[in-house]
Amino acid sequence: MKYRNVLFDIDNTLINSADLIAKLLKEGAEREGVYVPLKEFRTRIGQPGNEILKELGVRNWRRVLAEYTLQFEKNMNSLDYFEGIEKMLTGLLEMDTRLGVVTSKDRNQFEKETQRFPMISTMKIITTSDLTENPKPSGDPLNYTLEKFHLKKRQTLYIGDSIFDMQAANEAEVDFAIAAWGALPAASFKHAKYLAKTPNEIVTIVR
């Protein structure tokens, strides 16, 4: 087996959620008087919400995130796994692969936003953004995960949908696969080792 450890981003990699996140952040920014096109929020999904808001000029980002959390909870029932994700995760577990997530959500967001997704919430390897000083696109969250859970780099694959995921993997010197089913079509992933068009292709890559 090529990889013994498979780590995932969550939003728009496992769960089809990026459009909702971008919409709620945009609405929150507008309540603070900051008007930015939706695409500017969407292209930044993969970074922590506070970083996105600060980058786009929202001063009271804490207030926006507090309301965002409430609105996200109200809309969670509209979210689901991408087609094929559950089958992929089951297939990887049957291969005795260690699975985990390295996410830009903080722990509070993670616990609330994955309640309906037990295959994610019960993973043994979970790294949230509040565990390292620098979030993605820094390689710190992946390096933290490698050290804490005693994972060897050459046996580890990271899968995500954004350039921030790719940059984090490259900095941590971990092989990266782009989840093309959730990625923005115009994004450039020339430094990704793999491009997976469907979740099932991840099983083939790992095997």
Protein backbone atom coordinates (compact mmCIF):
# COMPACT_ATOMS: atom_id res chain seq x y z
CA MET A 1 0.00 0.00 0.00
CA LYS A 2 1.46 3.37 -1.06
CA TYR A 3 0.03 5.45 1.83
CA ARG A 4 -0.82 4.34 5.35
CA ASN A 5 -2.13 7.73 6.52
CA VAL A 6 -4.71 9.80 4.64
CA LEU A 7 -5.58 13.27 5.88
CA PHE A 8 -8.40 15.43 4.55
CA ASP A 9 -9.55 19.00 4.46
CA ILE A 10 -13.29 19.11 5.25
CA ASP A 11 -15.12 21.93 3.46
CA ASN A 12 -15.62 21.18 -0.23
CA THR A 13 -13.44 18.10 0.09
CA LEU A 14 -15.62 15.82 2.20
CA ILE A 15 -18.68 18.03 2.70
CA ASN A 16 -20.26 20.19 -0.01
CA SER A 17 -20.21 23.34 2.11
CA ALA A 18 -18.03 26.05 0.57
CA ASP A 19 -20.86 27.90 -1.17
CA LEU A 20 -22.83 28.18 2.07
CA ILE A 21 -19.77 29.36 3.99
CA ALA A 22 -18.97 32.02 1.38
CA LYS A 23 -22.59 33.22 1.34
CA LEU A 24 -22.79 33.55 5.14
CA LEU A 25 -19.44 35.33 5.40
CA LYS A 26 -20.46 37.76 2.66
CA GLU A 27 -23.74 38.53 4.41
CA GLY A 28 -21.89 39.10 7.67
CA ALA A 29 -19.38 41.41 6.01
CA GLU A 30 -22.18 43.44 4.46
CA ARG A 31 -23.79 43.92 7.88
CA GLU A 32 -20.48 45.55 8.85
CA GLY A 33 -20.52 47.79 5.78
CA VAL A 34 -18.02 45.80 3.70
CA TYR A 35 -19.27 44.96 0.21
CA VAL A 36 -17.11 42.43 -1.66
CA PRO A 37 -18.20 40.12 -4.51
CA LEU A 38 -19.13 36.58 -3.49
CA LYS A 39 -16.32 35.11 -5.60
CA GLU A 40 -13.75 36.85 -3.38
CA PHE A 41 -15.04 34.90 -0.39
CA ARG A 42 -15.36 31.65 -2.34
CA THR A 43 -11.79 31.71 -3.61
CA ARG A 44 -10.53 32.11 -0.03
CA ILE A 45 -12.37 29.12 1.41
CA GLY A 46 -9.67 26.91 2.92
CA GLN A 47 -8.41 29.62 5.24
CA PRO A 48 -9.91 30.28 8.69
CA GLY A 49 -12.95 32.54 8.60
CA ASN A 50 -11.26 35.24 10.68
CA GLU A 51 -8.37 35.40 8.21
CA ILE A 52 -10.76 35.74 5.27
CA LEU A 53 -12.72 38.52 6.94
CA LYS A 54 -9.62 40.44 8.03
CA GLU A 55 -8.09 40.11 4.58
CA LEU A 56 -11.23 41.61 3.05
CA GLY A 57 -11.29 44.54 5.46
CA VAL A 58 -13.88 43.47 8.06
CA ARG A 59 -12.81 45.06 11.33
CA ASN A 60 -15.38 43.52 13.66
CA TRP A 61 -14.76 40.00 12.39
CA ARG A 62 -15.49 38.43 15.78
CA ARG A 63 -19.08 39.68 15.65
CA VAL A 64 -19.43 38.38 12.09
CA LEU A 65 -18.10 34.95 13.06
CA ALA A 66 -20.44 34.72 16.05
CA GLU A 67 -23.47 35.30 13.81
CA TYR A 68 -21.96 33.06 11.11
CA THR A 69 -21.82 30.17 13.58
CA LEU A 70 -25.50 30.61 14.44
CA GLN A 71 -26.55 30.81 10.80
CA PHE A 72 -24.40 27.84 9.82
CA GLU A 73 -26.06 25.71 12.47
CA LYS A 74 -29.49 26.71 11.15
CA ASN A 75 -28.49 25.66 7.62
CA MET A 76 -26.55 22.48 8.40
CA ASN A 77 -29.42 20.25 7.32
CA SER A 78 -28.88 21.46 3.76
CA LEU A 79 -25.34 20.05 3.69
CA ASP A 80 -24.23 16.57 2.72
CA TYR A 81 -21.21 14.53 1.78
CA PHE A 82 -20.15 14.71 -1.84
CA GLU A 83 -21.30 11.66 -3.76
CA GLY A 84 -18.91 8.78 -3.17
CA ILE A 85 -17.28 10.15 0.00
CA GLU A 86 -18.80 7.62 2.40
CA LYS A 87 -17.87 4.73 0.11
CA MET A 88 -14.34 6.11 -0.20
CA LEU A 89 -13.90 6.44 3.57
CA THR A 90 -15.24 2.92 4.12
CA GLY A 91 -12.88 1.57 1.47
CA LEU A 92 -9.87 3.25 3.05
CA LEU A 93 -10.79 1.95 6.51
CA GLU A 94 -11.10 -1.56 5.12
CA MET A 95 -7.50 -1.18 3.91
CA ASP A 96 -6.49 -0.41 7.52
CA THR A 97 -5.59 3.17 6.59
CA ARG A 98 -5.32 5.76 9.34
CA LEU A 99 -7.70 8.60 8.53
CA GLY A 100 -7.82 12.14 9.83
CA VAL A 101 -8.71 15.74 9.12
CA VAL A 102 -6.58 18.87 9.14
CA THR A 103 -9.03 21.75 8.94
CA SER A 104 -9.25 25.53 9.10
CA LYS A 105 -12.20 25.19 11.48
CA ASP A 106 -11.44 25.81 15.14
CA ARG A 107 -12.43 23.13 17.64
CA ASN A 108 -15.76 24.71 18.48
CA GLN A 109 -16.73 25.02 14.83
CA PHE A 110 -15.57 21.48 14.13
CA GLU A 111 -17.67 19.95 16.90
CA LYS A 112 -20.79 21.87 15.90
CA GLU A 113 -20.44 21.56 12.14
CA THR A 114 -19.65 17.85 11.96
CA GLN A 115 -22.43 16.60 14.26
CA ARG A 116 -24.33 15.20 11.27
CA PHE A 117 -21.19 13.61 9.84
CA PRO A 118 -20.05 10.89 12.26
CA MET A 119 -17.53 9.44 9.82
CA ILE A 120 -15.66 12.74 10.24
CA SER A 121 -16.39 13.63 13.86
CA THR A 122 -15.19 10.25 15.15
CA MET A 123 -11.88 10.18 13.29
CA LYS A 124 -8.91 9.45 15.55
CA ILE A 125 -6.76 12.16 13.96
CA ILE A 126 -8.23 15.67 14.18
CA THR A 127 -6.24 18.89 13.89
CA THR A 128 -8.17 22.15 14.14
CA SER A 129 -6.90 25.64 13.41
CA ASP A 130 -6.57 26.65 17.06
CA LEU A 131 -3.87 24.04 17.71
CA THR A 132 -1.10 25.85 15.84
CA GLU A 133 0.02 29.47 15.74
CA ASN A 134 -0.14 29.58 11.95
CA PRO A 135 -3.10 28.09 10.03
CA LYS A 136 -3.11 26.86 6.45
CA PRO A 137 -1.58 27.79 4.01
CA SER A 138 1.25 27.35 6.49
CA GLY A 139 2.56 23.81 6.79
CA ASP A 140 2.34 24.06 10.60
CA PRO A 141 -1.01 22.23 10.98
CA LEU A 142 0.25 19.26 8.96
CA ASN A 143 3.62 19.22 10.72
CA TYR A 144 1.79 19.30 14.07
CA THR A 145 -0.33 16.35 12.96
CA LEU A 146 2.65 14.34 11.77
CA GLU A 147 4.44 14.84 15.09
CA LYS A 148 1.49 14.38 17.43
CA PHE A 149 0.21 11.19 15.80
CA HIS A 150 3.64 9.78 14.85
CA LEU A 151 2.98 9.74 11.11
CA LYS A 152 5.77 9.30 8.58
CA LYS A 153 5.76 11.90 5.81
CA ARG A 154 6.41 9.44 3.00
CA GLN A 155 3.45 7.34 4.14
CA THR A 156 1.06 10.29 4.38
CA LEU A 157 -1.25 11.83 1.77
CA TYR A 158 -3.16 15.08 2.24
CA ILE A 159 -6.32 15.74 0.21
CA GLY A 160 -7.96 19.13 -0.24
CA ASP A 161 -9.78 21.38 -2.66
CA SER A 162 -7.91 24.69 -2.42
CA ILE A 163 -4.54 26.19 -3.23
CA PHE A 164 -4.14 26.81 0.50
CA ASP A 165 -4.33 23.06 1.13
CA MET A 166 -1.74 22.46 -1.58
CA GLN A 167 0.60 25.13 -0.21
CA ALA A 168 0.34 23.65 3.28
CA ALA A 169 1.15 20.17 2.00
CA ASN A 170 4.10 21.41 -0.04
CA GLU A 171 5.53 23.30 2.93
CA ALA A 172 5.16 20.24 5.14
CA GLU A 173 6.67 18.05 2.38
CA VAL A 174 3.63 15.77 2.29
CA ASP A 175 2.18 14.41 -0.95
CA PHE A 176 -0.97 16.24 -2.00
CA ALA A 177 -4.03 15.19 -4.00
CA ILE A 178 -6.49 17.75 -5.28
CA ALA A 179 -10.14 16.85 -4.72
CA ALA A 180 -11.22 18.04 -8.16
CA TRP A 181 -14.88 17.34 -7.37
CA GLY A 182 -14.89 20.31 -4.98
CA ALA A 183 -12.15 22.55 -6.35
CA LEU A 184 -12.73 25.78 -8.24
CA PRO A 185 -12.32 25.07 -11.98
CA ALA A 186 -9.99 28.03 -12.57
CA ALA A 187 -7.60 27.23 -9.71
CA SER A 188 -4.06 26.18 -10.61
CA PHE A 189 -2.79 23.04 -8.91
CA LYS A 190 0.44 22.46 -10.83
CA HIS A 191 2.26 21.51 -7.62
CA ALA A 192 -0.20 18.75 -6.67
CA LYS A 193 1.09 15.20 -6.98
CA TYR A 194 -2.33 13.83 -7.89
CA LEU A 195 -5.60 15.11 -9.31
CA ALA A 196 -8.56 12.96 -8.29
CA LYS A 197 -11.73 13.56 -10.29
CA THR A 198 -13.83 11.33 -8.02
CA PRO A 199 -13.51 10.13 -4.42
CA ASN A 200 -13.08 6.58 -5.69
CA GLU A 201 -9.82 7.59 -7.36
CA ILE A 202 -8.39 8.32 -3.90
CA VAL A 203 -8.76 4.63 -2.99
CA THR A 204 -6.83 3.71 -6.13
CA ILE A 205 -4.08 6.24 -5.35
CA VAL A 206 -3.68 5.00 -1.77
CA ARG A 207 -3.65 1.36 -2.80
